Amino acid sequence: MPIPPRNRRTSRTAVAALSAAGLVAMCAAAPTAFADEAAPELVLGDVAPVEGVKPGTSFDPSLVVANKGTKAVDKVWVSYSVTRGLDYAEIPSNCEAHQVPSYDEMTEKSNVVCAFEQALEPGVLYEPKKPLAIKALDRALNDDLRMTVRDYYPDLDEAATTPVAGTAPAVELVERAAGGDATKDFVDVPVTTVNKADYEVTGADLKGAVGDTVTLKAKFRNAGPAWVLTREGDPLVEVLITPPAGTSVVKPDGFCEAKGKALSCGTSQRWVDEGGGETYTIKLKIDKELAGAKGSVALSTEDRPFDPDKTNDKAEISLDVTGGGSTGSPGSTDSTGGSSSTGSSSSSGGNDPTTNNAHLAETGSSSPALPLALGAVAAVAVGAGSLFAVRRRRAQHTG
């Protein structure tokens, strides 16, 4: 006897109490019982990458929806999700908007879920009568748009804000003229905006006596106006910090690793917000006085078309060695200085897993190598721009 769809939960509970013989009999009849319950198959058409958008303007994604199942679907939900350089021009009343903040390695997202209470017939292509317009904000540069279709209201991310209904007139799906194809339940669309972002670094002025331990705070910052989201496979920015000759690294920053006589430092995420960046905190010991000893902070030299200003890609680290003190003296002091007031919105200084008794890394001395102990738990693969951070990942729904 077929199980009525609305009573499946009760029937499945009852099945648990059946005898082994009865259970076998029901399983044998299952193909006939559910043969007429074809699962819906909702799909979207491919959407070409969107390029050449200007900040402050909008574009309409070419959304195509189809039902590739064998029965009509009574109601569908279409979801939109955009990264932080994009937003929505207006939101229809049959749609709800919510935000998901950045967490782990997930970027901040702005999402809209639209409900269409209408039947979608098999084999027919549909499109919104009025597309949901996406606008580029002043900070837009490289952004992502994802669109998804479901026959149920999608689960929201556990960090999502409370959904808010739109106020613009409701939109419906209408039949689309034949042409094109739809094969996926979601599509990802890269959106490129014509914009710039200015990467800059800041050095420091250090002062102390021989034997002192001083604190170097070197800074990397994105002065904007655009935020920068690194595409999959593209190199992340690398900051090279070369300490002044006559000093050795006592404690490196957690986002840095040895690279010759320099430290190669990365970023905490694969994106850098406008006004954001990193502060690299490094403990240096002054081993000896060398006249005119200087270090530097410099950006890696890979091509960054969005950043044409190269004048602030390198900064100096100066060292003023004062009288007194001797190598190994117990009364060492911290001395921090900066050659400009440029700051950053995030600091990596507290993430260093190494200890104060790390091996010293000689710079500018007779030592032929640059030994640098980062600690077993601080294996940071920055190199050509790989990402530092091993975090717990959580699945982020785009609804």
Protein backbone atom coordinates (compact mmCIF):
# COMPACT_ATOMS: atom_id res chain seq x y z
CA MET A 1 0.00 0.00 0.00
CA PRO A 2 1.55 3.36 -0.99
CA ILE A 3 2.47 5.73 1.85
CA PRO A 4 0.57 9.04 1.54
CA PRO A 5 3.19 11.83 1.16
CA ARG A 6 1.80 13.92 4.01
CA ASN A 7 2.01 10.97 6.44
CA ARG A 8 5.55 9.85 5.66
CA ARG A 9 6.96 10.68 9.10
CA THR A 10 4.25 8.72 10.94
CA SER A 11 4.52 5.80 8.54
CA ARG A 12 8.31 5.62 8.85
CA THR A 13 7.97 5.48 12.63
CA ALA A 14 5.51 2.62 12.30
CA VAL A 15 7.86 0.75 9.98
CA ALA A 16 10.39 0.45 12.81
CA ALA A 17 7.94 -1.82 14.66
CA LEU A 18 7.22 -4.15 11.75
CA SER A 19 8.41 -7.74 11.73
CA ALA A 20 11.37 -8.63 9.57
CA ALA A 21 9.09 -10.31 7.07
CA GLY A 22 6.80 -7.30 6.85
CA LEU A 23 9.76 -4.92 6.39
CA VAL A 24 11.10 -7.00 3.52
CA ALA A 25 7.68 -6.98 1.89
CA MET A 26 7.39 -3.18 2.14
CA CYS A 27 10.88 -2.62 0.72
CA ALA A 28 10.02 -4.85 -2.22
CA ALA A 29 6.96 -2.71 -2.94
CA ALA A 30 8.81 0.64 -2.54
CA PRO A 31 9.72 1.16 -6.23
CA THR A 32 6.05 0.95 -7.19
CA ALA A 33 4.91 3.07 -4.25
CA PHE A 34 7.16 6.06 -5.06
CA ALA A 35 7.48 5.71 -8.81
CA ASP A 36 5.13 8.65 -9.40
CA GLU A 37 6.93 10.98 -6.95
CA ALA A 38 9.58 12.48 -9.25
CA ALA A 39 11.90 14.87 -7.47
CA PRO A 40 11.95 18.43 -8.84
CA GLU A 41 15.06 19.49 -10.74
CA LEU A 42 15.43 23.27 -10.76
CA VAL A 43 18.40 24.71 -12.61
CA LEU A 44 19.88 28.04 -13.73
CA GLY A 45 21.51 29.10 -16.96
CA ASP A 46 25.16 30.12 -17.12
CA VAL A 47 25.95 33.83 -16.68
CA ALA A 48 29.03 35.42 -18.28
CA PRO A 49 31.51 37.34 -16.10
CA VAL A 50 30.61 40.99 -15.64
CA GLU A 51 33.45 43.40 -16.48
CA GLY A 52 34.02 47.12 -16.79
CA VAL A 53 31.49 48.19 -14.15
CA LYS A 54 32.00 51.69 -12.76
CA PRO A 55 31.50 52.56 -9.07
CA GLY A 56 28.01 53.92 -8.46
CA THR A 57 26.44 52.17 -11.47
CA SER A 58 24.23 49.07 -11.64
CA PHE A 59 23.96 46.00 -13.84
CA ASP A 60 21.30 43.34 -14.35
CA PRO A 61 22.41 39.70 -14.08
CA SER A 62 20.88 37.61 -16.86
CA LEU A 63 19.09 35.03 -14.75
CA VAL A 64 17.38 32.05 -16.45
CA VAL A 65 15.44 29.45 -14.41
CA ALA A 66 14.18 26.09 -15.67
CA ASN A 67 12.41 23.01 -14.30
CA LYS A 68 14.06 19.92 -15.77
CA GLY A 69 11.90 17.53 -13.80
CA THR A 70 8.76 15.76 -15.01
CA LYS A 71 6.20 17.63 -12.91
CA ALA A 72 5.39 21.28 -12.34
CA VAL A 73 6.86 22.96 -9.26
CA ASP A 74 4.39 25.13 -7.32
CA LYS A 75 6.88 27.52 -5.68
CA VAL A 76 10.57 28.36 -6.05
CA TRP A 77 13.13 30.42 -4.16
CA VAL A 78 15.96 32.25 -5.95
CA SER A 79 18.87 33.47 -3.81
CA TYR A 80 21.47 36.16 -4.56
CA SER A 81 24.73 36.59 -2.65
CA VAL A 82 27.31 39.35 -3.24
CA THR A 83 30.65 40.26 -1.66
CA ARG A 84 31.15 43.59 0.10
CA GLY A 85 31.91 45.71 -2.98
CA LEU A 86 28.39 45.11 -4.32
CA ASP A 87 24.86 45.82 -3.12
CA TYR A 88 21.29 45.82 -4.43
CA ALA A 89 19.67 48.83 -6.13
CA GLU A 90 16.24 47.92 -4.70
CA ILE A 91 14.67 44.84 -3.16
CA PRO A 92 11.17 43.64 -4.21
CA SER A 93 8.55 42.90 -1.56
CA ASN A 94 8.58 39.18 -2.39
CA CYS A 95 12.26 39.10 -1.38
CA GLU A 96 14.09 39.25 1.96
CA ALA A 97 17.57 40.64 2.61
CA HIS A 98 20.09 39.65 5.27
CA GLN A 99 23.82 39.99 5.90
CA VAL A 100 26.50 37.51 6.93
CA PRO A 101 29.62 39.02 8.54
CA SER A 102 33.10 37.80 7.74
CA TYR A 103 34.31 34.83 9.76
CA ASP A 104 37.02 32.20 9.41
CA GLU A 105 38.08 32.45 5.73
CA MET A 106 34.66 33.62 4.53
CA THR A 107 34.20 37.15 3.24
CA GLU A 108 31.38 39.42 4.31
CA LYS A 109 28.23 38.74 2.24
CA SER A 110 24.97 40.55 1.48
CA ASN A 111 22.19 38.11 0.55
CA VAL A 112 18.68 38.31 -0.88
CA VAL A 113 16.16 35.44 -1.08
CA CYS A 114 13.19 35.87 -3.45
CA ALA A 115 10.07 33.67 -3.29
CA PHE A 116 8.06 33.09 -6.48
CA GLU A 117 4.65 31.57 -5.71
CA GLN A 118 3.87 30.33 -9.20
CA ALA A 119 4.08 27.06 -11.07
CA LEU A 120 7.14 26.30 -13.17
CA GLU A 121 6.31 23.79 -15.90
CA PRO A 122 8.83 21.19 -17.03
CA GLY A 123 10.92 22.12 -20.07
CA VAL A 124 10.08 25.84 -19.94
CA LEU A 125 12.63 28.63 -19.47
CA TYR A 126 11.75 31.48 -17.11
CA GLU A 127 13.33 34.81 -16.17
CA PRO A 128 12.40 37.63 -13.76
CA LYS A 129 10.04 40.12 -15.37
CA LYS A 130 12.28 42.78 -13.86
CA PRO A 131 15.85 41.68 -13.04
CA LEU A 132 17.23 42.29 -9.56
CA ALA A 133 19.71 45.11 -10.24
CA ILE A 134 23.15 44.84 -8.61
CA LYS A 135 25.09 48.05 -7.94
CA ALA A 136 28.82 48.61 -7.53
CA LEU A 137 29.85 50.57 -4.44
CA ASP A 138 32.78 53.01 -4.24
CA ARG A 139 34.93 50.21 -2.77
CA ALA A 140 34.15 47.69 -5.53
CA LEU A 141 37.01 46.11 -7.49
CA ASN A 142 37.01 42.30 -7.69
CA ASP A 143 33.74 40.90 -6.39
CA ASP A 144 31.63 37.77 -6.60
CA LEU A 145 27.94 37.19 -7.28
CA ARG A 146 26.33 33.82 -6.64
CA MET A 147 22.76 32.90 -7.64
CA THR A 148 20.98 29.76 -6.45
CA VAL A 149 17.55 28.18 -7.07
CA ARG A 150 15.68 25.83 -4.72
CA ASP A 151 12.17 24.40 -4.27
CA TYR A 152 12.39 25.26 -0.56
CA TYR A 153 13.44 28.20 1.58
CA PRO A 154 17.22 27.87 1.97
CA ASP A 155 18.86 27.42 5.35
CA LEU A 156 20.51 30.64 6.51
CA ASP A 157 24.04 30.84 7.82
CA GLU A 158 24.11 30.63 11.63
CA ALA A 159 25.77 34.09 11.71
CA ALA A 160 23.14 35.73 9.46
CA THR A 161 21.19 38.79 10.55
CA THR A 162 17.40 38.70 10.74
CA PRO A 163 15.91 38.81 7.21
CA VAL A 164 14.10 42.03 6.26
CA ALA A 165 11.45 42.15 3.53
CA GLY A 166 11.97 44.46 0.55
CA THR A 167 9.75 47.43 -0.21
CA ALA A 168 9.88 47.67 -4.01
CA PRO A 169 7.02 46.17 -6.10
CA ALA A 170 6.94 42.37 -6.20
CA VAL A 171 8.49 40.64 -9.19
CA GLU A 172 7.32 37.47 -10.96
CA LEU A 173 8.95 34.99 -13.28
CA VAL A 174 7.81 35.03 -16.91
CA GLU A 175 8.41 32.63 -19.77
CA ARG A 176 11.52 33.33 -21.76
CA ALA A 177 11.86 32.88 -25.48
CA ALA A 178 13.68 29.71 -26.46
CA GLY A 179 17.44 29.98 -26.47
CA GLY A 180 20.24 29.06 -24.13
CA ASP A 181 20.31 26.23 -21.65
CA ALA A 182 20.08 25.75 -17.90
CA THR A 183 22.06 23.01 -16.18
CA LYS A 184 23.17 24.07 -12.66
CA ASP A 185 21.42 24.74 -9.37
CA PHE A 186 23.81 27.65 -8.72
CA VAL A 187 26.06 29.93 -10.77
CA ASP A 188 29.08 32.01 -9.69
CA VAL A 189 29.71 35.26 -11.54
CA PRO A 190 32.96 37.26 -11.19
CA VAL A 191 32.27 41.01 -11.24
CA THR A 192 35.14 43.39 -12.07
CA THR A 193 34.83 47.12 -11.40
CA VAL A 194 37.07 49.84 -12.87
CA ASN A 195 38.69 51.09 -9.67
CA LYS A 196 41.99 51.52 -7.79
CA ALA A 197 43.49 50.55 -4.45
CA ASP A 198 46.73 51.97 -3.05
CA TYR A 199 48.96 49.55 -1.15
CA GLU A 200 51.51 51.26 1.08
CA VAL A 201 54.06 50.33 3.75
CA THR A 202 55.48 52.18 6.73
CA GLY A 203 58.97 51.74 8.22
CA ALA A 204 60.25 52.74 11.66
CA ASP A 205 62.93 54.69 13.54
CA LEU A 206 64.57 52.46 16.14
CA LYS A 207 66.82 53.56 19.01
CA GLY A 208 68.73 51.65 21.67
CA ALA A 209 72.08 50.57 23.07
CA VAL A 210 74.11 47.52 22.14
CA GLY A 211 72.52 44.56 23.94
CA ASP A 212 69.05 46.11 24.02
CA THR A 213 65.99 44.39 22.57
CA VAL A 214 63.86 46.82 20.57
CA THR A 215 60.40 46.41 19.06
CA LEU A 216 59.97 46.98 15.35
CA LYS A 217 56.42 47.67 14.15
CA ALA A 218 56.31 47.64 10.36
CA LYS A 219 52.97 48.33 8.70
CA PHE A 220 51.18 47.36 5.51
CA ARG A 221 47.98 49.20 4.60
CA ASN A 222 45.44 49.44 1.78
CA ALA A 223 44.68 53.16 1.45
CA GLY A 224 41.75 52.40 -0.89
CA PRO A 225 39.37 53.48 -2.19
CA ALA A 226 38.72 49.87 -3.25
CA TRP A 227 38.92 46.75 -1.15
CA VAL A 228 40.96 43.94 -2.75
CA LEU A 229 39.67 40.37 -2.93
CA THR A 230 42.33 38.06 -4.35
CA ARG A 231 40.98 35.67 -6.95
CA GLU A 232 41.56 31.95 -6.55
CA GLY A 233 45.05 31.11 -7.74
CA ASP A 234 46.33 34.69 -7.78
CA PRO A 235 49.28 35.55 -5.49
CA LEU A 236 48.62 37.38 -2.26
CA VAL A 237 50.67 40.44 -1.41
CA GLU A 238 54.05 39.74 0.21
CA VAL A 239 55.74 42.25 2.55
CA LEU A 240 59.53 41.90 2.81
CA ILE A 241 61.07 43.24 6.02
CA THR A 242 64.87 43.56 6.13
CA PRO A 243 66.16 44.41 9.66
CA PRO A 244 69.11 46.84 9.97
CA ALA A 245 72.60 45.33 9.87
CA GLY A 246 73.99 44.62 13.32
CA THR A 247 70.67 43.34 14.67
CA SER A 248 69.23 39.86 15.06
CA VAL A 249 65.64 38.66 15.25
CA VAL A 250 64.74 37.55 18.77
CA LYS A 251 61.04 37.06 18.13
CA PRO A 252 59.44 37.28 14.66
CA ASP A 253 55.85 38.16 13.89
CA GLY A 254 53.45 35.23 13.48
CA PHE A 255 52.76 36.11 9.84
CA CYS A 256 56.45 36.14 8.87
CA GLU A 257 59.09 33.59 7.97
CA ALA A 258 62.77 33.81 7.03
CA LYS A 259 63.63 34.57 3.41
CA GLY A 260 67.36 35.10 3.00
CA LYS A 261 68.34 38.08 5.14
CA ALA A 262 64.75 39.33 5.18
CA LEU A 263 61.43 38.27 6.67
CA SER A 264 58.66 37.40 4.24
CA CYS A 265 55.32 38.46 5.73
CA GLY A 266 51.81 37.68 4.56
CA THR A 267 48.28 38.75 5.40
CA SER A 268 45.64 37.22 7.64
CA GLN A 269 43.09 36.78 4.84
CA ARG A 270 42.91 36.62 1.05
CA TRP A 271 41.35 40.05 1.00
CA VAL A 272 42.33 43.48 2.34
CA ASP A 273 39.57 45.97 3.17
CA GLU A 274 39.98 49.61 2.30
CA GLY A 275 41.74 51.20 5.27
CA GLY A 276 42.79 47.75 6.51
CA GLY A 277 46.10 45.94 6.57
CA GLU A 278 48.57 44.37 8.98
CA THR A 279 51.01 45.50 11.65
CA TYR A 280 54.04 43.22 11.93
CA THR A 281 55.58 43.27 15.41
CA ILE A 282 59.17 41.98 15.51
CA LYS A 283 61.62 41.89 18.44
CA LEU A 284 65.18 42.78 17.40
CA LYS A 285 68.35 42.61 19.47
CA ILE A 286 71.06 45.20 18.83
CA ASP A 287 74.21 43.10 18.61
CA LYS A 288 76.70 45.76 17.57
CA GLU A 289 76.94 49.30 16.30
CA LEU A 290 77.42 49.71 12.55
CA ALA A 291 77.55 53.23 11.16
CA GLY A 292 74.64 54.04 8.85
CA ALA A 293 72.90 50.70 9.35
CA LYS A 294 69.42 50.75 7.84
CA GLY A 295 66.71 48.25 7.02
CA SER A 296 63.59 48.38 4.88
CA VAL A 297 59.96 47.39 4.48
CA ALA A 298 58.97 46.69 0.87
CA LEU A 299 56.07 45.20 -1.09
CA SER A 300 56.72 42.28 -3.40
CA THR A 301 57.08 43.26 -7.04
CA GLU A 302 54.37 41.21 -8.77
CA ASP A 303 52.08 43.15 -11.07
CA ARG A 304 49.17 44.91 -9.35
CA PRO A 305 47.23 46.76 -12.07
CA PHE A 306 44.87 48.29 -9.51
CA ASP A 307 47.80 50.00 -7.71
CA PRO A 308 49.68 52.31 -10.09
CA ASP A 309 51.36 54.36 -7.32
CA LYS A 310 54.70 52.71 -6.54
CA THR A 311 56.17 55.62 -4.53
CA ASN A 312 54.92 54.21 -1.22
CA ASP A 313 55.81 50.56 -1.86
CA LYS A 314 59.04 50.82 0.15
CA ALA A 315 59.96 52.48 3.46
CA GLU A 316 63.13 52.78 5.55
CA ILE A 317 63.96 51.28 8.94
CA SER A 318 66.58 53.42 10.69
CA LEU A 319 68.62 52.46 13.76
CA ASP A 320 70.23 54.89 16.20
CA VAL A 321 72.65 53.00 18.47
CA THR A 322 73.24 54.96 21.67
CA GLY A 323 76.09 54.54 24.16
CA GLY A 324 76.10 52.02 26.97
CA GLY A 325 74.85 48.49 27.16
CA SER A 326 76.55 45.32 26.05
CA THR A 327 75.54 42.11 24.33
CA GLY A 328 73.73 39.79 26.74
CA SER A 329 73.01 42.47 29.37
CA PRO A 330 69.92 41.56 31.44
CA GLY A 331 68.46 45.06 31.43
CA SER A 332 67.29 45.23 27.81
CA THR A 333 64.64 47.72 26.77
CA ASP A 334 61.96 48.06 24.09
CA SER A 335 62.10 50.96 21.70
CA THR A 336 59.55 51.52 18.98
CA GLY A 337 59.43 54.22 16.35
CA GLY A 338 57.66 55.02 13.07
CA SER A 339 58.64 57.09 10.08
CA SER A 340 55.03 58.13 9.43
CA SER A 341 51.67 58.10 11.16
CA THR A 342 50.08 55.70 8.71
CA GLY A 343 48.22 52.99 10.60
CA SER A 344 46.38 49.76 9.96
CA SER A 345 43.09 48.30 11.08
CA SER A 346 44.46 44.93 12.17
CA SER A 347 47.52 43.72 13.98
CA SER A 348 49.21 40.39 13.76
CA GLY A 349 51.49 41.05 16.69
CA GLY A 350 49.52 38.89 19.11
CA ASN A 351 49.55 35.87 16.83
CA ASP A 352 53.24 34.99 17.12
CA PRO A 353 53.61 31.45 18.50
CA THR A 354 57.39 31.60 19.01
CA THR A 355 59.09 32.21 22.33
CA ASN A 356 61.53 34.84 23.51
CA ASN A 357 64.39 32.36 23.60
CA ALA A 358 64.21 31.68 19.85
CA HIS A 359 67.54 31.37 18.05
CA LEU A 360 68.90 34.73 16.94
CA ALA A 361 68.96 35.61 13.26
CA GLU A 362 72.05 37.65 12.40
CA THR A 363 71.70 40.39 9.77
CA GLY A 364 74.66 42.22 8.37
CA SER A 365 77.20 40.38 10.49
CA SER A 366 79.83 37.81 9.58
CA SER A 367 77.32 35.01 10.04
CA PRO A 368 76.78 33.37 6.60
CA ALA A 369 73.14 32.45 7.16
CA LEU A 370 69.96 33.80 8.68
CA PRO A 371 68.74 31.19 11.19
CA LEU A 372 65.27 32.02 12.37
CA ALA A 373 63.23 29.83 14.74
CA LEU A 374 59.54 30.20 14.08
CA GLY A 375 58.44 27.33 16.32
CA ALA A 376 56.80 24.08 15.25
CA VAL A 377 53.30 25.53 15.37
CA ALA A 378 54.13 28.62 13.34
CA ALA A 379 54.92 27.10 9.95
CA VAL A 380 53.77 30.00 7.81
CA ALA A 381 53.70 29.36 4.09
CA VAL A 382 53.79 32.88 2.71
CA GLY A 383 56.49 32.66 0.04
CA ALA A 384 54.94 33.77 -3.23
CA GLY A 385 51.86 34.96 -1.47
CA SER A 386 50.15 31.96 0.14
CA LEU A 387 47.69 32.55 2.97
CA PHE A 388 48.60 32.35 6.69
CA ALA A 389 45.81 31.02 8.85
CA VAL A 390 44.58 27.56 9.66
CA ARG A 391 41.11 27.99 11.01
CA ARG A 392 38.01 26.04 11.70
CA ARG A 393 35.83 26.22 8.61
CA ARG A 394 32.09 26.38 8.75
CA ALA A 395 29.81 25.90 5.77
CA GLN A 396 28.37 29.23 4.63
CA HIS A 397 25.02 29.03 2.87
CA THR A 398 24.44 31.66 0.23
CA GLY A 399 20.76 32.02 0.96
